[in-house]
C-alpha atoms as a PDB file:
ATOM      1  CA  UNK A   1     132.689  78.942  91.145  1.00  0.00           C
ATOM      2  CA  UNK A   2     134.707  76.461  89.112  1.00  0.00           C
ATOM      3  CA  UNK A   3     135.999  74.791  92.276  1.00  0.00           C
ATOM      4  CA  UNK A   4     132.472  74.517  93.594  1.00  0.00           C
ATOM      5  CA  UNK A   5     131.183  72.748  90.493  1.00  0.00           C
ATOM      6  CA  UNK A   6     134.231  70.481  90.454  1.00  0.00           C
ATOM      7  CA  UNK A   7     133.588  69.532  94.089  1.00  0.00           C
ATOM      8  CA  UNK A   8     129.973  68.511  93.477  1.00  0.00           C
ATOM      9  CA  UNK A   9     130.707  66.614  90.269  1.00  0.00           C
ATOM     10  CA  UNK A  10     130.812  62.810  90.619  1.00  0.00           C
ATOM     11  CA  UNK A  11     134.266  61.310  90.736  1.00  0.00           C
ATOM     12  CA  UNK A  12     135.561  59.324  87.778  1.00  0.00           C
ATOM     13  CA  UNK A  13     133.463  56.238  87.028  1.00  0.00           C
ATOM     14  CA  UNK A  14     130.999  57.178  89.781  1.00  0.00           C
ATOM     15  CA  UNK A  15     127.285  57.842  89.049  1.00  0.00           C
ATOM     16  CA  UNK A  16     125.234  60.873  90.040  1.00  0.00           C
ATOM     17  CA  UNK A  17     123.389  60.377  93.328  1.00  0.00           C
ATOM     18  CA  UNK A  18     119.659  60.687  92.609  1.00  0.00           C
ATOM     19  CA  UNK A  19     120.369  63.738  90.475  1.00  0.00           C
ATOM     20  CA  UNK A  20     121.418  65.779  93.515  1.00  0.00           C
ATOM     21  CA  UNK A  21     124.932  66.347  92.208  1.00  0.00           C
ATOM     22  CA  UNK A  22     123.981  67.113  88.636  1.00  0.00           C
ATOM     23  CA  UNK A  23     125.652  70.373  87.605  1.00  0.00           C
ATOM     24  CA  UNK A  24     123.485  71.023  84.572  1.00  0.00           C
ATOM     25  CA  UNK A  25     120.356  71.779  86.622  1.00  0.00           C
ATOM     26  CA  UNK A  26     122.062  74.341  88.833  1.00  0.00           C
ATOM     27  CA  UNK A  27     122.346  78.050  88.137  1.00  0.00           C
ATOM     28  CA  UNK A  28     124.580  80.913  89.199  1.00  0.00           C
ATOM     29  CA  UNK A  29     123.664  84.511  89.926  1.00  0.00           C
ATOM     30  CA  UNK A  30     125.434  87.796  89.301  1.00  0.00           C
ATOM     31  CA  UNK A  31     125.776  88.157  93.081  1.00  0.00           C
ATOM     32  CA  UNK A  32     127.690  84.871  93.301  1.00  0.00           C
ATOM     33  CA  UNK A  33     130.269  86.108  90.812  1.00  0.00           C
ATOM     34  CA  UNK A  34     130.505  89.424  92.644  1.00  0.00           C
ATOM     35  CA  UNK A  35     131.149  87.664  95.956  1.00  0.00           C
ATOM     36  CA  UNK A  36     133.782  85.477  94.330  1.00  0.00           C
ATOM     37  CA  UNK A  37     135.541  88.518  92.872  1.00  0.00           C
ATOM     38  CA  UNK A  38     135.600  90.220  96.285  1.00  0.00           C
ATOM     39  CA  UNK A  39     137.150  87.193  98.013  1.00  0.00           C
ATOM     40  CA  UNK A  40     139.798  86.704  95.336  1.00  0.00           C
ATOM     41  CA  UNK A  41     140.712  90.398  95.294  1.00  0.00           C
ATOM     42  CA  UNK A  42     140.902  90.718  99.086  1.00  0.00           C
ATOM     43  CA  UNK A  43     143.257  87.750  99.245  1.00  0.00           C
ATOM     44  CA  UNK A  44     145.466  88.690  96.290  1.00  0.00           C
ATOM     45  CA  UNK A  45     145.938  92.350  97.255  1.00  0.00           C
ATOM     46  CA  UNK A  46     148.115  91.201 100.152  1.00  0.00           C
ATOM     47  CA  UNK A  47     150.669  89.962  97.628  1.00  0.00           C
ATOM     48  CA  UNK A  48     150.398  92.581  94.878  1.00  0.00           C
ATOM     49  CA  UNK A  49     150.722  96.271  95.769  1.00  0.00           C
ATOM     50  CA  UNK A  50     149.384  97.366  92.392  1.00  0.00           C
ATOM     51  CA  UNK A  51     145.915  95.991  93.249  1.00  0.00           C
ATOM     52  CA  UNK A  52     144.628  99.391  94.351  1.00  0.00           C
ATOM     53  CA  UNK A  53     141.001 100.377  95.127  1.00  0.00           C
ATOM     54  CA  UNK A  54     140.903 102.408  91.900  1.00  0.00           C
ATOM     55  CA  UNK A  55     141.960  99.390  89.848  1.00  0.00           C
ATOM     56  CA  UNK A  56     139.509  97.202  91.753  1.00  0.00           C
ATOM     57  CA  UNK A  57     136.586  99.428  90.756  1.00  0.00           C
ATOM     58  CA  UNK A  58     137.819  99.639  87.168  1.00  0.00           C
ATOM     59  CA  UNK A  59     137.884  95.845  86.901  1.00  0.00           C
ATOM     60  CA  UNK A  60     135.147  94.579  89.200  1.00  0.00           C
ATOM     61  CA  UNK A  61     133.024  97.566  90.211  1.00  0.00           C
ATOM     62  CA  UNK A  62     129.257  97.071  90.515  1.00  0.00           C
ATOM     63  CA  UNK A  63     127.443 100.380  90.831  1.00  0.00           C
ATOM     64  CA  UNK A  64     124.377  98.792  92.424  1.00  0.00           C
ATOM     65  CA  UNK A  65     126.546  97.510  95.275  1.00  0.00           C
ATOM     66  CA  UNK A  66     127.609  99.763  98.107  1.00  0.00           C
ATOM     67  CA  UNK A  67     131.081 101.242  97.719  1.00  0.00           C
ATOM     68  CA  UNK A  68     131.148 101.475  93.928  1.00  0.00           C
ATOM     69  CA  UNK A  69     130.202 104.335  91.635  1.00  0.00           C
ATOM     70  CA  UNK A  70     130.500 102.565  88.289  1.00  0.00           C
ATOM     71  CA  UNK A  71     130.420  99.096  86.778  1.00  0.00           C
ATOM     72  CA  UNK A  72     133.845  97.626  86.085  1.00  0.00           C
ATOM     73  CA  UNK A  73     134.978  95.689  83.023  1.00  0.00           C
ATOM     74  CA  UNK A  74     133.814  92.352  84.412  1.00  0.00           C
ATOM     75  CA  UNK A  75     130.324  93.424  85.406  1.00  0.00           C
ATOM     76  CA  UNK A  76     129.401  96.150  82.938  1.00  0.00           C
ATOM     77  CA  UNK A  77     126.048  95.568  81.269  1.00  0.00           C
ATOM     78  CA  UNK A  78     124.806  97.463  78.249  1.00  0.00           C
ATOM     79  CA  UNK A  79     121.494  99.232  78.909  1.00  0.00           C
ATOM     80  CA  UNK A  80     118.432  97.393  77.665  1.00  0.00           C
ATOM     81  CA  UNK A  81     117.096  98.650  74.369  1.00  0.00           C
ATOM     82  CA  UNK A  82     113.985 100.770  74.645  1.00  0.00           C
ATOM     83  CA  UNK A  83     110.816  98.696  74.534  1.00  0.00           C
ATOM     84  CA  UNK A  84     108.617 101.697  73.774  1.00  0.00           C
ATOM     85  CA  UNK A  85     107.978 100.482  70.245  1.00  0.00           C
ATOM     86  CA  UNK A  86     106.395  97.343  71.710  1.00  0.00           C
ATOM     87  CA  UNK A  87     103.800  99.220  73.799  1.00  0.00           C
ATOM     88  CA  UNK A  88     100.308  98.676  72.429  1.00  0.00           C
ATOM     89  CA  UNK A  89      97.886 101.369  71.364  1.00  0.00           C
ATOM     90  CA  UNK A  90      94.983 102.837  73.293  1.00  0.00           C
ATOM     91  CA  UNK A  91      91.584 101.148  73.189  1.00  0.00           C
ATOM     92  CA  UNK A  92      89.879 104.387  72.081  1.00  0.00           C
ATOM     93  CA  UNK A  93      92.645 106.547  70.590  1.00  0.00           C
ATOM     94  CA  UNK A  94      94.058 104.058  68.101  1.00  0.00           C
ATOM     95  CA  UNK A  95      97.036 106.226  67.156  1.00  0.00           C
ATOM     96  CA  UNK A  96      98.092 106.855  70.773  1.00  0.00           C
ATOM     97  CA  UNK A  97     100.187 104.515  72.917  1.00  0.00           C
ATOM     98  CA  UNK A  98      98.976 103.259  76.269  1.00  0.00           C
ATOM     99  CA  UNK A  99      99.638 105.270  79.427  1.00  0.00           C
ATOM    100  CA  UNK A 100     102.032 104.010  82.112  1.00  0.00           C
ATOM    101  CA  UNK A 101     100.357 102.556  85.224  1.00  0.00           C
ATOM    102  CA  UNK A 102     102.619 104.736  87.355  1.00  0.00           C
ATOM    103  CA  UNK A 103     101.565 107.978  85.641  1.00  0.00           C
ATOM    104  CA  UNK A 104      99.714 110.423  87.879  1.00  0.00           C
ATOM    105  CA  UNK A 105      96.758 110.952  85.486  1.00  0.00           C
ATOM    106  CA  UNK A 106      96.139 107.205  85.379  1.00  0.00           C
ATOM    107  CA  UNK A 107      96.234 106.862  89.169  1.00  0.00           C
ATOM    108  CA  UNK A 108      93.659 109.662  89.469  1.00  0.00           C
ATOM    109  CA  UNK A 109      91.555 108.081  86.725  1.00  0.00           C
ATOM    110  CA  UNK A 110      91.590 104.689  88.441  1.00  0.00           C
ATOM    111  CA  UNK A 111      90.629 106.228  91.791  1.00  0.00           C
ATOM    112  CA  UNK A 112      87.593 108.047  90.412  1.00  0.00           C
ATOM    113  CA  UNK A 113      86.607 105.041  88.326  1.00  0.00           C
ATOM    114  CA  UNK A 114      86.558 102.795  91.398  1.00  0.00           C
ATOM    115  CA  UNK A 115      84.846 105.332  93.662  1.00  0.00           C
ATOM    116  CA  UNK A 116      81.964 105.483  91.189  1.00  0.00           C
ATOM    117  CA  UNK A 117      81.384 101.747  91.659  1.00  0.00           C
ATOM    118  CA  UNK A 118      80.830 101.983  95.424  1.00  0.00           C
ATOM    119  CA  UNK A 119      77.257 101.640  96.654  1.00  0.00           C
ATOM    120  CA  UNK A 120      75.538 101.231  99.997  1.00  0.00           C
ATOM    121  CA  UNK A 121      71.891 100.448 100.665  1.00  0.00           C
ATOM    122  CA  UNK A 122      71.304 100.346  96.923  1.00  0.00           C
ATOM    123  CA  UNK A 123      72.584 103.807  96.019  1.00  0.00           C
ATOM    124  CA  UNK A 124      75.797 105.495  94.896  1.00  0.00           C
ATOM    125  CA  UNK A 125      77.893 107.712  97.157  1.00  0.00           C
ATOM    126  CA  UNK A 126      76.927 111.372  97.475  1.00  0.00           C
ATOM    127  CA  UNK A 127      79.360 114.000  96.160  1.00  0.00           C
ATOM    128  CA  UNK A 128      80.671 114.807  99.649  1.00  0.00           C
ATOM    129  CA  UNK A 129      81.149 111.093 100.387  1.00  0.00           C
ATOM    130  CA  UNK A 130      83.030 110.590  97.125  1.00  0.00           C
ATOM    131  CA  UNK A 131      85.361 113.442  98.068  1.00  0.00           C
ATOM    132  CA  UNK A 132      86.017 111.918 101.503  1.00  0.00           C
ATOM    133  CA  UNK A 133      86.851 108.572  99.921  1.00  0.00           C
ATOM    134  CA  UNK A 134      89.069 110.232  97.308  1.00  0.00           C
ATOM    135  CA  UNK A 135      90.974 112.303  99.892  1.00  0.00           C
ATOM    136  CA  UNK A 136      91.539 109.190 101.988  1.00  0.00           C
ATOM    137  CA  UNK A 137      92.427 106.795  99.187  1.00  0.00           C
ATOM    138  CA  UNK A 138      94.830 109.056  97.318  1.00  0.00           C
ATOM    139  CA  UNK A 139      97.296 108.807 100.206  1.00  0.00           C
ATOM    140  CA  UNK A 140      96.985 105.040 100.618  1.00  0.00           C
ATOM    141  CA  UNK A 141      98.424 102.229  98.523  1.00  0.00           C
ATOM    142  CA  UNK A 142      96.167  99.307  99.396  1.00  0.00           C
ATOM    143  CA  UNK A 143      93.861  99.885 102.383  1.00  0.00           C
ATOM    144  CA  UNK A 144      91.035  97.607 103.464  1.00  0.00           C
ATOM    145  CA  UNK A 145      87.472  98.532 102.568  1.00  0.00           C
ATOM    146  CA  UNK A 146      86.722  98.819 106.285  1.00  0.00           C
ATOM    147  CA  UNK A 147      89.248 101.674 106.450  1.00  0.00           C
ATOM    148  CA  UNK A 148      87.295 103.425 103.707  1.00  0.00           C
ATOM    149  CA  UNK A 149      83.989 102.932 105.523  1.00  0.00           C
ATOM    150  CA  UNK A 150      85.586 104.447 108.596  1.00  0.00           C
ATOM    151  CA  UNK A 151      86.814 107.437 106.584  1.00  0.00           C
ATOM    152  CA  UNK A 152      83.222 108.288 105.597  1.00  0.00           C
ATOM    153  CA  UNK A 153      81.772 107.402 109.013  1.00  0.00           C
ATOM    154  CA  UNK A 154      79.733 104.470 107.717  1.00  0.00           C
ATOM    155  CA  UNK A 155      80.835 101.634 110.025  1.00  0.00           C
ATOM    156  CA  UNK A 156      77.364 100.965 111.405  1.00  0.00           C
ATOM    157  CA  UNK A 157      75.809  97.686 110.257  1.00  0.00           C
ATOM    158  CA  UNK A 158      72.795  99.544 108.869  1.00  0.00           C
ATOM    159  CA  UNK A 159      74.995 100.492 105.906  1.00  0.00           C
ATOM    160  CA  UNK A 160      75.168  97.593 103.440  1.00  0.00           C
ATOM    161  CA  UNK A 161      77.995  98.031 100.935  1.00  0.00           C
ATOM    162  CA  UNK A 162      78.790  96.141  97.758  1.00  0.00           C
ATOM    163  CA  UNK A 163      82.305  95.422  99.068  1.00  0.00           C
ATOM    164  CA  UNK A 164      83.440  93.327 102.017  1.00  0.00           C
ATOM    165  CA  UNK A 165      85.316  94.882 104.941  1.00  0.00           C
ATOM    166  CA  UNK A 166      88.350  92.679 104.314  1.00  0.00           C
ATOM    167  CA  UNK A 167      88.599  93.559 100.602  1.00  0.00           C
ATOM    168  CA  UNK A 168      91.896  95.261  99.753  1.00  0.00           C
ATOM    169  CA  UNK A 169      91.318  98.303  97.570  1.00  0.00           C
ATOM    170  CA  UNK A 170      93.912  99.575  95.096  1.00  0.00           C
ATOM    171  CA  UNK A 171      94.731 103.173  95.931  1.00  0.00           C
ATOM    172  CA  UNK A 172      97.825 104.864  94.507  1.00  0.00           C
ATOM    173  CA  UNK A 173     101.440 103.768  94.396  1.00  0.00           C
ATOM    174  CA  UNK A 174     103.150 106.798  92.889  1.00  0.00           C
ATOM    175  CA  UNK A 175     101.122 109.496  94.632  1.00  0.00           C
ATOM    176  CA  UNK A 176     100.877 107.831  98.054  1.00  0.00           C
ATOM    177  CA  UNK A 177     104.650 107.450  98.196  1.00  0.00           C
ATOM    178  CA  UNK A 178     105.521 110.901  96.880  1.00  0.00           C
ATOM    179  CA  UNK A 179     103.125 112.634  99.302  1.00  0.00           C
ATOM    180  CA  UNK A 180     104.480 110.686 102.283  1.00  0.00           C
ATOM    181  CA  UNK A 181     106.661 112.324 104.936  1.00  0.00           C
ATOM    182  CA  UNK A 182     109.789 110.604 103.659  1.00  0.00           C
ATOM    183  CA  UNK A 183     109.569 112.502 100.361  1.00  0.00           C
ATOM    184  CA  UNK A 184     107.476 115.628  99.633  1.00  0.00           C
ATOM    185  CA  UNK A 185     104.802 115.299 102.324  1.00  0.00           C
ATOM    186  CA  UNK A 186     101.718 117.490 102.078  1.00  0.00           C
ATOM    187  CA  UNK A 187     103.648 119.909  99.833  1.00  0.00           C
ATOM    188  CA  UNK A 188     102.934 117.465  97.026  1.00  0.00           C
ATOM    189  CA  UNK A 189      99.318 118.600  96.852  1.00  0.00           C
ATOM    190  CA  UNK A 190     100.406 122.229  96.507  1.00  0.00           C
ATOM    191  CA  UNK A 191     102.405 121.514  93.361  1.00  0.00           C
ATOM    192  CA  UNK A 192     100.950 122.358  89.984  1.00  0.00           C
ATOM    193  CA  UNK A 193     100.040 119.566  87.609  1.00  0.00           C
ATOM    194  CA  UNK A 194     103.181 120.342  85.597  1.00  0.00           C
ATOM    195  CA  UNK A 195     105.410 120.263  88.684  1.00  0.00           C
ATOM    196  CA  UNK A 196     104.032 116.872  89.688  1.00  0.00           C
ATOM    197  CA  UNK A 197     104.476 115.601  86.142  1.00  0.00           C
ATOM    198  CA  UNK A 198     108.090 116.831  86.067  1.00  0.00           C
ATOM    199  CA  UNK A 199     108.859 114.898  89.256  1.00  0.00           C
ATOM    200  CA  UNK A 200     107.326 111.745  87.834  1.00  0.00           C
ATOM    201  CA  UNK A 201     109.278 112.240  84.605  1.00  0.00           C
ATOM    202  CA  UNK A 202     112.596 112.322  86.498  1.00  0.00           C
ATOM    203  CA  UNK A 203     111.774 109.145  88.414  1.00  0.00           C
ATOM    204  CA  UNK A 204     110.539 107.296  85.331  1.00  0.00           C
ATOM    205  CA  UNK A 205     113.039 108.302  82.665  1.00  0.00           C
ATOM    206  CA  UNK A 206     116.364 108.941  84.431  1.00  0.00           C
ATOM    207  CA  UNK A 207     118.577 105.935  83.729  1.00  0.00           C
ATOM    208  CA  UNK A 208     120.644 105.916  86.911  1.00  0.00           C
ATOM    209  CA  UNK A 209     120.010 106.127  90.641  1.00  0.00           C
ATOM    210  CA  UNK A 210     122.945 108.509  91.015  1.00  0.00           C
ATOM    211  CA  UNK A 211     121.344 110.966  88.582  1.00  0.00           C
ATOM    212  CA  UNK A 212     118.042 110.840  90.474  1.00  0.00           C
ATOM    213  CA  UNK A 213     119.842 111.357  93.774  1.00  0.00           C
ATOM    214  CA  UNK A 214     121.827 114.333  92.476  1.00  0.00           C
ATOM    215  CA  UNK A 215     118.703 115.878  90.926  1.00  0.00           C
ATOM    216  CA  UNK A 216     116.726 115.440  94.154  1.00  0.00           C
ATOM    217  CA  UNK A 217     119.384 117.297  96.132  1.00  0.00           C
ATOM    218  CA  UNK A 218     119.907 120.163  93.677  1.00  0.00           C
ATOM    219  CA  UNK A 219     116.313 120.692  92.487  1.00  0.00           C
ATOM    220  CA  UNK A 220     114.029 119.411  95.249  1.00  0.00           C
ATOM    221  CA  UNK A 221     116.097 120.382  98.284  1.00  0.00           C
ATOM    222  CA  UNK A 222     116.339 116.809  99.570  1.00  0.00           C
ATOM    223  CA  UNK A 223     118.990 115.832 102.100  1.00  0.00           C
ATOM    224  CA  UNK A 224     121.268 112.838 101.519  1.00  0.00           C
ATOM    225  CA  UNK A 225     118.949 110.367 103.245  1.00  0.00           C
ATOM    226  CA  UNK A 226     115.849 111.507 101.334  1.00  0.00           C
ATOM    227  CA  UNK A 227     117.727 111.614  98.038  1.00  0.00           C
ATOM    228  CA  UNK A 228     119.090 108.105  98.543  1.00  0.00           C
ATOM    229  CA  UNK A 229     115.616 106.812  99.413  1.00  0.00           C
ATOM    230  CA  UNK A 230     113.858 108.360  96.415  1.00  0.00           C
ATOM    231  CA  UNK A 231     116.596 107.118  94.070  1.00  0.00           C
ATOM    232  CA  UNK A 232     115.607 103.579  95.125  1.00  0.00           C
ATOM    233  CA  UNK A 233     111.856 104.164  94.778  1.00  0.00           C
ATOM    234  CA  UNK A 234     110.483 101.951  92.017  1.00  0.00           C
ATOM    235  CA  UNK A 235     107.571 103.035  89.854  1.00  0.00           C
ATOM    236  CA  UNK A 236     105.191 100.493  88.360  1.00  0.00           C
ATOM    237  CA  UNK A 237     106.487  99.527  84.928  1.00  0.00           C
ATOM    238  CA  UNK A 238     103.359  98.184  83.234  1.00  0.00           C
ATOM    239  CA  UNK A 239     100.820  99.960  81.047  1.00  0.00           C
ATOM    240  CA  UNK A 240      97.116 100.770  81.226  1.00  0.00           C
ATOM    241  CA  UNK A 241      94.686 100.044  78.398  1.00  0.00           C
ATOM    242  CA  UNK A 242      94.126 103.752  77.709  1.00  0.00           C
ATOM    243  CA  UNK A 243      96.329 106.585  76.466  1.00  0.00           C
ATOM    244  CA  UNK A 244      96.949 109.812  78.339  1.00  0.00           C
ATOM    245  CA  UNK A 245      94.740 111.634  75.837  1.00  0.00           C
ATOM    246  CA  UNK A 246      91.812 109.278  76.449  1.00  0.00           C
ATOM    247  CA  UNK A 247      92.271 109.546  80.214  1.00  0.00           C
ATOM    248  CA  UNK A 248      92.349 113.332  79.975  1.00  0.00           C
ATOM    249  CA  UNK A 249      89.092 113.305  78.003  1.00  0.00           C
ATOM    250  CA  UNK A 250      87.273 110.831  80.267  1.00  0.00           C
ATOM    251  CA  UNK A 251      88.430 112.036  83.694  1.00  0.00           C
ATOM    252  CA  UNK A 252      86.108 115.090  83.949  1.00  0.00           C
ATOM    253  CA  UNK A 253      83.087 112.798  83.566  1.00  0.00           C
ATOM    254  CA  UNK A 254      84.256 110.618  86.459  1.00  0.00           C
ATOM    255  CA  UNK A 255      85.044 113.366  88.944  1.00  0.00           C
END
């Protein structure tokens, strides 16, 4: 990296060319330093027998890169401090913190809340129509409204909805992924509320992909491919405006 910056710097007594060579406005990434380490190590190991793979990982390992299990001395980063104390309080339950957007209760709450806003020909959906929409939407992340109309057999132009066909509707992120074939499939809906919550807890709170992968194999019966995939699955990291307690109290009135 030093050679690179030296090469683009203006020579002695020469000006910068329209700012294009200015070093100060450039930035480097962690990946750049990792690539540089790899090139230096691969070259130098031909001349020094003590540059073993074990030593390489100890010095320059990067556990998020393939081939390494741990961070080495050069690339180790201390975990971020918990930001939980910065999470705001619930709109209704003032002494309760806000619920995570990825939490299963919130995704169910948001589904029912939206379904209750849908109207056609000036009236709300019937109970059986709401169930059809719910069953369809819970397995989708962001379908079009036309897909929802199709799910309840209301594609005919005589049905005038308060949403446009091309509108993208927010379904679920956590649930739609976990109930997909690549993870738990339809078995997800046979789990108890506690079992589903335990799965979410592992994905949200475990601090390493390796731990998630190992847990998925030993506790969920996943194979290597499934375990690797779910260890890389990212939950939404923002917060709702309501607490879990408020959601629990309101949800029955929305269903």
